[in-house]
Amino acid sequence: MPRWPPLHPEVAAALEALDAIGMPYAELWRLLHPVAQRAGCRPPSYWLVRRRAIELRRRKLERARIAAELYGDMVTGRLPYRFR
């Protein structure tokens, strides 16, 4: 069972695009209302938007950490950590 209900694909895409600029959760939630209306669905709750944004930001930080580690390995001439 999913932890929260699925978002409409247009709303999910808008959430990812708006979160890329690090917008506050409440502003992100407010801007998703017109997108949900155009998609013909109910707007997501504040808590759902907040949870999704937190998860997106956590994934972004994890990817940045891995990229920094790989870059450090490349610069020092070592094999990437996955091949050691």
PDB file of N, CA and C in Angstrom:
ATOM      1  N   MET A   1       0.835  -1.176   0.000  1.00  0.00           N
ATOM      2  CA  MET A   1       0.000   0.000   0.000  1.00  0.00           C
ATOM      3  C   MET A   1       0.881   1.241   0.000  1.00  0.00           C
ATOM      4  N   PRO A   2       0.614   2.213  -0.904  1.00  0.00           N
ATOM      5  CA  PRO A   2       1.458   3.409  -0.964  1.00  0.00           C
ATOM      6  C   PRO A   2       1.324   4.245   0.304  1.00  0.00           C
ATOM      7  N   ARG A   3       2.360   4.974   0.579  1.00  0.00           N
ATOM      8  CA  ARG A   3       2.355   5.817   1.779  1.00  0.00           C
ATOM      9  C   ARG A   3       1.429   6.999   1.637  1.00  0.00           C
ATOM     10  N   TRP A   4       1.222   7.469   0.445  1.00  0.00           N
ATOM     11  CA  TRP A   4       0.296   8.569   0.194  1.00  0.00           C
ATOM     12  C   TRP A   4      -0.322   8.372  -1.182  1.00  0.00           C
ATOM     13  N   PRO A   5      -1.454   9.022  -1.454  1.00  0.00           N
ATOM     14  CA  PRO A   5      -2.134   8.800  -2.733  1.00  0.00           C
ATOM     15  C   PRO A   5      -1.311   9.329  -3.905  1.00  0.00           C
ATOM     16  N   PRO A   6      -1.458   8.704  -5.074  1.00  0.00           N
ATOM     17  CA  PRO A   6      -0.692   9.171  -6.231  1.00  0.00           C
ATOM     18  C   PRO A   6      -1.173  10.533  -6.712  1.00  0.00           C
ATOM     19  N   LEU A   7      -0.258  11.304  -7.233  1.00  0.00           N
ATOM     20  CA  LEU A   7      -0.599  12.611  -7.804  1.00  0.00           C
ATOM     21  C   LEU A   7      -0.882  12.449  -9.289  1.00  0.00           C
ATOM     22  N   HIS A   8      -1.692  13.334  -9.803  1.00  0.00           N
ATOM     23  CA  HIS A   8      -1.918  13.381 -11.241  1.00  0.00           C
ATOM     24  C   HIS A   8      -0.566  13.665 -11.902  1.00  0.00           C
ATOM     25  N   PRO A   9      -0.268  13.044 -13.054  1.00  0.00           N
ATOM     26  CA  PRO A   9       1.051  13.251 -13.683  1.00  0.00           C
ATOM     27  C   PRO A   9       1.396  14.715 -13.944  1.00  0.00           C
ATOM     28  N   GLU A  10       0.418  15.529 -14.324  1.00  0.00           N
ATOM     29  CA  GLU A  10       0.709  16.952 -14.561  1.00  0.00           C
ATOM     30  C   GLU A  10       1.062  17.668 -13.264  1.00  0.00           C
ATOM     31  N   VAL A  11       0.357  17.337 -12.196  1.00  0.00           N
ATOM     32  CA  VAL A  11       0.635  17.956 -10.896  1.00  0.00           C
ATOM     33  C   VAL A  11       2.011  17.513 -10.396  1.00  0.00           C
ATOM     34  N   ALA A  12       2.324  16.228 -10.574  1.00  0.00           N
ATOM     35  CA  ALA A  12       3.631  15.719 -10.145  1.00  0.00           C
ATOM     36  C   ALA A  12       4.764  16.387 -10.924  1.00  0.00           C
ATOM     37  N   ALA A  13       4.571  16.575 -12.230  1.00  0.00           N
ATOM     38  CA  ALA A  13       5.603  17.238 -13.046  1.00  0.00           C
ATOM     39  C   ALA A  13       5.775  18.689 -12.618  1.00  0.00           C
ATOM     40  N   ALA A  14       4.662  19.362 -12.339  1.00  0.00           N
ATOM     41  CA  ALA A  14       4.746  20.755 -11.879  1.00  0.00           C
ATOM     42  C   ALA A  14       5.438  20.840 -10.525  1.00  0.00           C
ATOM     43  N   LEU A  15       5.148  19.879  -9.654  1.00  0.00           N
ATOM     44  CA  LEU A  15       5.789  19.851  -8.335  1.00  0.00           C
ATOM     45  C   LEU A  15       7.301  19.709  -8.475  1.00  0.00           C
ATOM     46  N   GLU A  16       7.742  18.809  -9.336  1.00  0.00           N
ATOM     47  CA  GLU A  16       9.182  18.622  -9.542  1.00  0.00           C
ATOM     48  C   GLU A  16       9.828  19.864 -10.143  1.00  0.00           C
ATOM     49  N   ALA A  17       9.144  20.493 -11.099  1.00  0.00           N
ATOM     50  CA  ALA A  17       9.704  21.687 -11.740  1.00  0.00           C
ATOM     51  C   ALA A  17       9.799  22.843 -10.754  1.00  0.00           C
ATOM     52  N   LEU A  18       8.754  23.050  -9.969  1.00  0.00           N
ATOM     53  CA  LEU A  18       8.763  24.163  -9.017  1.00  0.00           C
ATOM     54  C   LEU A  18       9.721  23.904  -7.862  1.00  0.00           C
ATOM     55  N   ASP A  19       9.857  22.648  -7.471  1.00  0.00           N
ATOM     56  CA  ASP A  19      10.755  22.347  -6.365  1.00  0.00           C
ATOM     57  C   ASP A  19      12.214  22.479  -6.767  1.00  0.00           C
ATOM     58  N   ALA A  20      12.496  22.451  -8.061  1.00  0.00           N
ATOM     59  CA  ALA A  20      13.879  22.583  -8.524  1.00  0.00           C
ATOM     60  C   ALA A  20      14.480  23.929  -8.128  1.00  0.00           C
ATOM     61  N   ILE A  21      13.627  24.921  -7.894  1.00  0.00           N
ATOM     62  CA  ILE A  21      14.152  26.241  -7.517  1.00  0.00           C
ATOM     63  C   ILE A  21      14.106  26.458  -6.004  1.00  0.00           C
ATOM     64  N   GLY A  22      13.778  25.410  -5.243  1.00  0.00           N
ATOM     65  CA  GLY A  22      13.836  25.490  -3.785  1.00  0.00           C
ATOM     66  C   GLY A  22      12.788  26.382  -3.165  1.00  0.00           C
ATOM     67  N   MET A  23      11.602  26.338  -3.698  1.00  0.00           N
ATOM     68  CA  MET A  23      10.501  27.172  -3.230  1.00  0.00           C
ATOM     69  C   MET A  23      10.000  26.698  -1.863  1.00  0.00           C
ATOM     70  N   PRO A  24       9.536  27.604  -0.997  1.00  0.00           N
ATOM     71  CA  PRO A  24       8.947  27.179   0.283  1.00  0.00           C
ATOM     72  C   PRO A  24       7.726  26.290   0.047  1.00  0.00           C
ATOM     73  N   TYR A  25       7.452  25.412   1.006  1.00  0.00           N
ATOM     74  CA  TYR A  25       6.376  24.437   0.846  1.00  0.00           C
ATOM     75  C   TYR A  25       5.014  25.100   0.624  1.00  0.00           C
ATOM     76  N   ALA A  26       4.684  26.125   1.389  1.00  0.00           N
ATOM     77  CA  ALA A  26       3.367  26.761   1.266  1.00  0.00           C
ATOM     78  C   ALA A  26       3.198  27.416  -0.106  1.00  0.00           C
ATOM     79  N   GLU A  27       4.227  28.056  -0.596  1.00  0.00           N
ATOM     80  CA  GLU A  27       4.146  28.686  -1.919  1.00  0.00           C
ATOM     81  C   GLU A  27       4.027  27.616  -3.007  1.00  0.00           C
ATOM     82  N   LEU A  28       4.735  26.553  -2.860  1.00  0.00           N
ATOM     83  CA  LEU A  28       4.655  25.426  -3.789  1.00  0.00           C
ATOM     84  C   LEU A  28       3.230  24.876  -3.813  1.00  0.00           C
ATOM     85  N   TRP A  29       2.641  24.695  -2.651  1.00  0.00           N
ATOM     86  CA  TRP A  29       1.271  24.197  -2.534  1.00  0.00           C
ATOM     87  C   TRP A  29       0.287  25.142  -3.210  1.00  0.00           C
ATOM     88  N   ARG A  30       0.448  26.454  -2.985  1.00  0.00           N
ATOM     89  CA  ARG A  30      -0.463  27.436  -3.596  1.00  0.00           C
ATOM     90  C   ARG A  30      -0.363  27.427  -5.116  1.00  0.00           C
ATOM     91  N   LEU A  31       0.829  27.287  -5.641  1.00  0.00           N
ATOM     92  CA  LEU A  31       1.003  27.308  -7.091  1.00  0.00           C
ATOM     93  C   LEU A  31       0.521  26.029  -7.769  1.00  0.00           C
ATOM     94  N   LEU A  32       0.361  24.958  -7.007  1.00  0.00           N
ATOM     95  CA  LEU A  32      -0.124  23.714  -7.591  1.00  0.00           C
ATOM     96  C   LEU A  32      -1.645  23.690  -7.767  1.00  0.00           C
ATOM     97  N   HIS A  33      -2.365  24.579  -7.092  1.00  0.00           N
ATOM     98  CA  HIS A  33      -3.829  24.612  -7.206  1.00  0.00           C
ATOM     99  C   HIS A  33      -4.303  24.866  -8.631  1.00  0.00           C
ATOM    100  N   PRO A  34      -3.819  25.887  -9.333  1.00  0.00           N
ATOM    101  CA  PRO A  34      -4.278  26.078 -10.718  1.00  0.00           C
ATOM    102  C   PRO A  34      -3.893  24.917 -11.639  1.00  0.00           C
ATOM    103  N   VAL A  35      -2.762  24.300 -11.386  1.00  0.00           N
ATOM    104  CA  VAL A  35      -2.340  23.158 -12.203  1.00  0.00           C
ATOM    105  C   VAL A  35      -3.320  22.011 -12.014  1.00  0.00           C
ATOM    106  N   ALA A  36      -3.721  21.755 -10.778  1.00  0.00           N
ATOM    107  CA  ALA A  36      -4.677  20.684 -10.500  1.00  0.00           C
ATOM    108  C   ALA A  36      -6.032  20.998 -11.129  1.00  0.00           C
ATOM    109  N   GLN A  37      -6.449  22.249 -11.088  1.00  0.00           N
ATOM    110  CA  GLN A  37      -7.729  22.615 -11.702  1.00  0.00           C
ATOM    111  C   GLN A  37      -7.691  22.395 -13.210  1.00  0.00           C
ATOM    112  N   ARG A  38      -6.582  22.776 -13.860  1.00  0.00           N
ATOM    113  CA  ARG A  38      -6.460  22.554 -15.306  1.00  0.00           C
ATOM    114  C   ARG A  38      -6.432  21.065 -15.636  1.00  0.00           C
ATOM    115  N   ALA A  39      -5.867  20.258 -14.750  1.00  0.00           N
ATOM    116  CA  ALA A  39      -5.797  18.814 -14.971  1.00  0.00           C
ATOM    117  C   ALA A  39      -7.126  18.130 -14.658  1.00  0.00           C
ATOM    118  N   GLY A  40      -8.039  18.854 -14.027  1.00  0.00           N
ATOM    119  CA  GLY A  40      -9.349  18.299 -13.711  1.00  0.00           C
ATOM    120  C   GLY A  40      -9.362  17.395 -12.495  1.00  0.00           C
ATOM    121  N   CYS A  41      -8.470  17.658 -11.551  1.00  0.00           N
ATOM    122  CA  CYS A  41      -8.440  16.851 -10.330  1.00  0.00           C
ATOM    123  C   CYS A  41      -8.433  17.772  -9.115  1.00  0.00           C
ATOM    124  N   ARG A  42      -8.602  17.171  -7.953  1.00  0.00           N
ATOM    125  CA  ARG A  42      -8.567  17.956  -6.719  1.00  0.00           C
ATOM    126  C   ARG A  42      -7.134  18.380  -6.425  1.00  0.00           C
ATOM    127  N   PRO A  43      -6.956  19.555  -5.870  1.00  0.00           N
ATOM    128  CA  PRO A  43      -5.583  19.959  -5.504  1.00  0.00           C
ATOM    129  C   PRO A  43      -5.063  19.089  -4.356  1.00  0.00           C
ATOM    130  N   PRO A  44      -3.783  18.794  -4.356  1.00  0.00           N
ATOM    131  CA  PRO A  44      -3.224  17.968  -3.277  1.00  0.00           C
ATOM    132  C   PRO A  44      -3.214  18.737  -1.962  1.00  0.00           C
ATOM    133  N   SER A  45      -3.233  17.999  -0.866  1.00  0.00           N
ATOM    134  CA  SER A  45      -3.187  18.639   0.448  1.00  0.00           C
ATOM    135  C   SER A  45      -1.794  19.225   0.691  1.00  0.00           C
ATOM    136  N   TYR A  46      -1.733  20.153   1.624  1.00  0.00           N
ATOM    137  CA  TYR A  46      -0.454  20.773   1.972  1.00  0.00           C
ATOM    138  C   TYR A  46       0.539  19.706   2.431  1.00  0.00           C
ATOM    139  N   TRP A  47       0.059  18.758   3.257  1.00  0.00           N
ATOM    140  CA  TRP A  47       0.959  17.753   3.819  1.00  0.00           C
ATOM    141  C   TRP A  47       1.487  16.813   2.751  1.00  0.00           C
ATOM    142  N   LEU A  48       0.670  16.514   1.753  1.00  0.00           N
ATOM    143  CA  LEU A  48       1.135  15.665   0.660  1.00  0.00           C
ATOM    144  C   LEU A  48       2.216  16.388  -0.149  1.00  0.00           C
ATOM    145  N   VAL A  49       1.984  17.657  -0.438  1.00  0.00           N
ATOM    146  CA  VAL A  49       2.977  18.443  -1.177  1.00  0.00           C
ATOM    147  C   VAL A  49       4.268  18.546  -0.373  1.00  0.00           C
ATOM    148  N   ARG A  50       4.143  18.773   0.916  1.00  0.00           N
ATOM    149  CA  ARG A  50       5.324  18.897   1.772  1.00  0.00           C
ATOM    150  C   ARG A  50       6.118  17.588   1.805  1.00  0.00           C
ATOM    151  N   ARG A  51       5.409  16.457   1.971  1.00  0.00           N
ATOM    152  CA  ARG A  51       6.099  15.159   1.991  1.00  0.00           C
ATOM    153  C   ARG A  51       6.814  14.882   0.682  1.00  0.00           C
ATOM    154  N   ARG A  52       6.115  15.157  -0.429  1.00  0.00           N
ATOM    155  CA  ARG A  52       6.731  14.911  -1.741  1.00  0.00           C
ATOM    156  C   ARG A  52       7.943  15.811  -1.948  1.00  0.00           C
ATOM    157  N   ALA A  53       7.834  17.075  -1.556  1.00  0.00           N
ATOM    158  CA  ALA A  53       8.956  18.005  -1.726  1.00  0.00           C
ATOM    159  C   ALA A  53      10.145  17.585  -0.863  1.00  0.00           C
ATOM    160  N   ILE A  54       9.878  17.134   0.342  1.00  0.00           N
ATOM    161  CA  ILE A  54      10.959  16.661   1.213  1.00  0.00           C
ATOM    162  C   ILE A  54      11.658  15.474   0.572  1.00  0.00           C
ATOM    163  N   GLU A  55      10.870  14.544   0.017  1.00  0.00           N
ATOM    164  CA  GLU A  55      11.451  13.366  -0.638  1.00  0.00           C
ATOM    165  C   GLU A  55      12.259  13.767  -1.871  1.00  0.00           C
ATOM    166  N   LEU A  56      11.743  14.683  -2.668  1.00  0.00           N
ATOM    167  CA  LEU A  56      12.480  15.155  -3.846  1.00  0.00           C
ATOM    168  C   LEU A  56      13.795  15.810  -3.441  1.00  0.00           C
ATOM    169  N   ARG A  57      13.767  16.619  -2.400  1.00  0.00           N
ATOM    170  CA  ARG A  57      14.983  17.298  -1.947  1.00  0.00           C
ATOM    171  C   ARG A  57      15.983  16.311  -1.368  1.00  0.00           C
ATOM    172  N   ARG A  58      15.485  15.271  -0.671  1.00  0.00           N
ATOM    173  CA  ARG A  58      16.381  14.255  -0.131  1.00  0.00           C
ATOM    174  C   ARG A  58      17.079  13.510  -1.265  1.00  0.00           C
ATOM    175  N   ARG A  59      16.318  13.163  -2.302  1.00  0.00           N
ATOM    176  CA  ARG A  59      16.914  12.469  -3.448  1.00  0.00           C
ATOM    177  C   ARG A  59      17.932  13.356  -4.163  1.00  0.00           C
ATOM    178  N   LYS A  60      17.616  14.649  -4.291  1.00  0.00           N
ATOM    179  CA  LYS A  60      18.530  15.569  -4.952  1.00  0.00           C
ATOM    180  C   LYS A  60      19.846  15.672  -4.171  1.00  0.00           C
ATOM    181  N   LEU A  61      19.767  15.752  -2.848  1.00  0.00           N
ATOM    182  CA  LEU A  61      20.983  15.818  -2.030  1.00  0.00           C
ATOM    183  C   LEU A  61      21.787  14.528  -2.124  1.00  0.00           C
ATOM    184  N   GLU A  62      21.105  13.389  -2.181  1.00  0.00           N
ATOM    185  CA  GLU A  62      21.803  12.110  -2.304  1.00  0.00           C
ATOM    186  C   GLU A  62      22.529  12.017  -3.645  1.00  0.00           C
ATOM    187  N   ARG A  63      21.866  12.438  -4.730  1.00  0.00           N
ATOM    188  CA  ARG A  63      22.521  12.424  -6.038  1.00  0.00           C
ATOM    189  C   ARG A  63      23.720  13.378  -6.057  1.00  0.00           C
ATOM    190  N   ALA A  64      23.592  14.531  -5.426  1.00  0.00           N
ATOM    191  CA  ALA A  64      24.699  15.489  -5.383  1.00  0.00           C
ATOM    192  C   ALA A  64      25.872  14.917  -4.590  1.00  0.00           C
ATOM    193  N   ARG A  65      25.573  14.204  -3.496  1.00  0.00           N
ATOM    194  CA  ARG A  65      26.633  13.603  -2.695  1.00  0.00           C
ATOM    195  C   ARG A  65      27.380  12.543  -3.509  1.00  0.00           C
ATOM    196  N   ILE A  66      26.641  11.704  -4.220  1.00  0.00           N
ATOM    197  CA  ILE A  66      27.268  10.658  -5.042  1.00  0.00           C
ATOM    198  C   ILE A  66      28.089  11.288  -6.164  1.00  0.00           C
ATOM    199  N   ALA A  67      27.536  12.334  -6.806  1.00  0.00           N
ATOM    200  CA  ALA A  67      28.265  13.003  -7.888  1.00  0.00           C
ATOM    201  C   ALA A  67      29.555  13.633  -7.361  1.00  0.00           C
ATOM    202  N   ALA A  68      29.498  14.241  -6.178  1.00  0.00           N
ATOM    203  CA  ALA A  68      30.700  14.850  -5.606  1.00  0.00           C
ATOM    204  C   ALA A  68      31.753  13.790  -5.291  1.00  0.00           C
ATOM    205  N   GLU A  69      31.305  12.642  -4.806  1.00  0.00           N
ATOM    206  CA  GLU A  69      32.248  11.569  -4.498  1.00  0.00           C
ATOM    207  C   GLU A  69      32.892  11.024  -5.778  1.00  0.00           C
ATOM    208  N   LEU A  70      32.081  10.837  -6.807  1.00  0.00           N
ATOM    209  CA  LEU A  70      32.635  10.366  -8.083  1.00  0.00           C
ATOM    210  C   LEU A  70      33.582  11.391  -8.686  1.00  0.00           C
ATOM    211  N   TYR A  71      33.223  12.661  -8.598  1.00  0.00           N
ATOM    212  CA  TYR A  71      34.091  13.714  -9.119  1.00  0.00           C
ATOM    213  C   TYR A  71      35.412  13.734  -8.356  1.00  0.00           C
ATOM    214  N   GLY A  72      35.348  13.592  -7.052  1.00  0.00           N
ATOM    215  CA  GLY A  72      36.574  13.547  -6.252  1.00  0.00           C
ATOM    216  C   GLY A  72      37.458  12.385  -6.642  1.00  0.00           C
ATOM    217  N   ASP A  73      36.840  11.237  -6.899  1.00  0.00           N
ATOM    218  CA  ASP A  73      37.616  10.078  -7.342  1.00  0.00           C
ATOM    219  C   ASP A  73      38.254  10.338  -8.704  1.00  0.00           C
ATOM    220  N   MET A  74      37.519  10.968  -9.608  1.00  0.00           N
ATOM    221  CA  MET A  74      38.057  11.256 -10.944  1.00  0.00           C
ATOM    222  C   MET A  74      39.246  12.206 -10.867  1.00  0.00           C
ATOM    223  N   VAL A  75      39.112  13.226 -10.050  1.00  0.00           N
ATOM    224  CA  VAL A  75      40.174  14.236  -9.960  1.00  0.00           C
ATOM    225  C   VAL A  75      41.443  13.642  -9.361  1.00  0.00           C
ATOM    226  N   THR A  76      41.293  12.752  -8.401  1.00  0.00           N
ATOM    227  CA  THR A  76      42.469  12.167  -7.767  1.00  0.00           C
ATOM    228  C   THR A  76      43.024  10.970  -8.536  1.00  0.00           C
ATOM    229  N   GLY A  77      42.328  10.550  -9.594  1.00  0.00           N
ATOM    230  CA  GLY A  77      42.821   9.456 -10.420  1.00  0.00           C
ATOM    231  C   GLY A  77      42.503   8.075  -9.895  1.00  0.00           C
ATOM    232  N   ARG A  78      41.620   7.983  -8.905  1.00  0.00           N
ATOM    233  CA  ARG A  78      41.243   6.673  -8.377  1.00  0.00           C
ATOM    234  C   ARG A  78      40.057   6.125  -9.158  1.00  0.00           C
ATOM    235  N   LEU A  79      39.859   4.817  -9.051  1.00  0.00           N
ATOM    236  CA  LEU A  79      38.667   4.215  -9.631  1.00  0.00           C
ATOM    237  C   LEU A  79      37.450   4.690  -8.841  1.00  0.00           C
ATOM    238  N   PRO A  80      36.321   4.813  -9.471  1.00  0.00           N
ATOM    239  CA  PRO A  80      35.112   5.175  -8.716  1.00  0.00           C
ATOM    240  C   PRO A  80      34.858   4.178  -7.602  1.00  0.00           C
ATOM    241  N   TYR A  81      34.261   4.630  -6.529  1.00  0.00           N
ATOM    242  CA  TYR A  81      34.097   3.812  -5.341  1.00  0.00           C
ATOM    243  C   TYR A  81      33.331   2.527  -5.611  1.00  0.00           C
ATOM    244  N   ARG A  82      32.512   2.460  -6.633  1.00  0.00           N
ATOM    245  CA  ARG A  82      31.742   1.257  -6.925  1.00  0.00           C
ATOM    246  C   ARG A  82      32.627   0.145  -7.477  1.00  0.00           C
ATOM    247  N   PHE A  83      33.806   0.487  -7.978  1.00  0.00           N
ATOM    248  CA  PHE A  83      34.691  -0.515  -8.594  1.00  0.00           C
ATOM    249  C   PHE A  83      35.903  -0.855  -7.722  1.00  0.00           C
ATOM    250  N   ARG A  84      35.986  -0.320  -6.538  1.00  0.00           N
ATOM    251  CA  ARG A  84      37.129  -0.597  -5.666  1.00  0.00           C
ATOM    252  C   ARG A  84      37.016  -1.954  -5.040  1.00  0.00           C
TER     253      ARG A  84
END
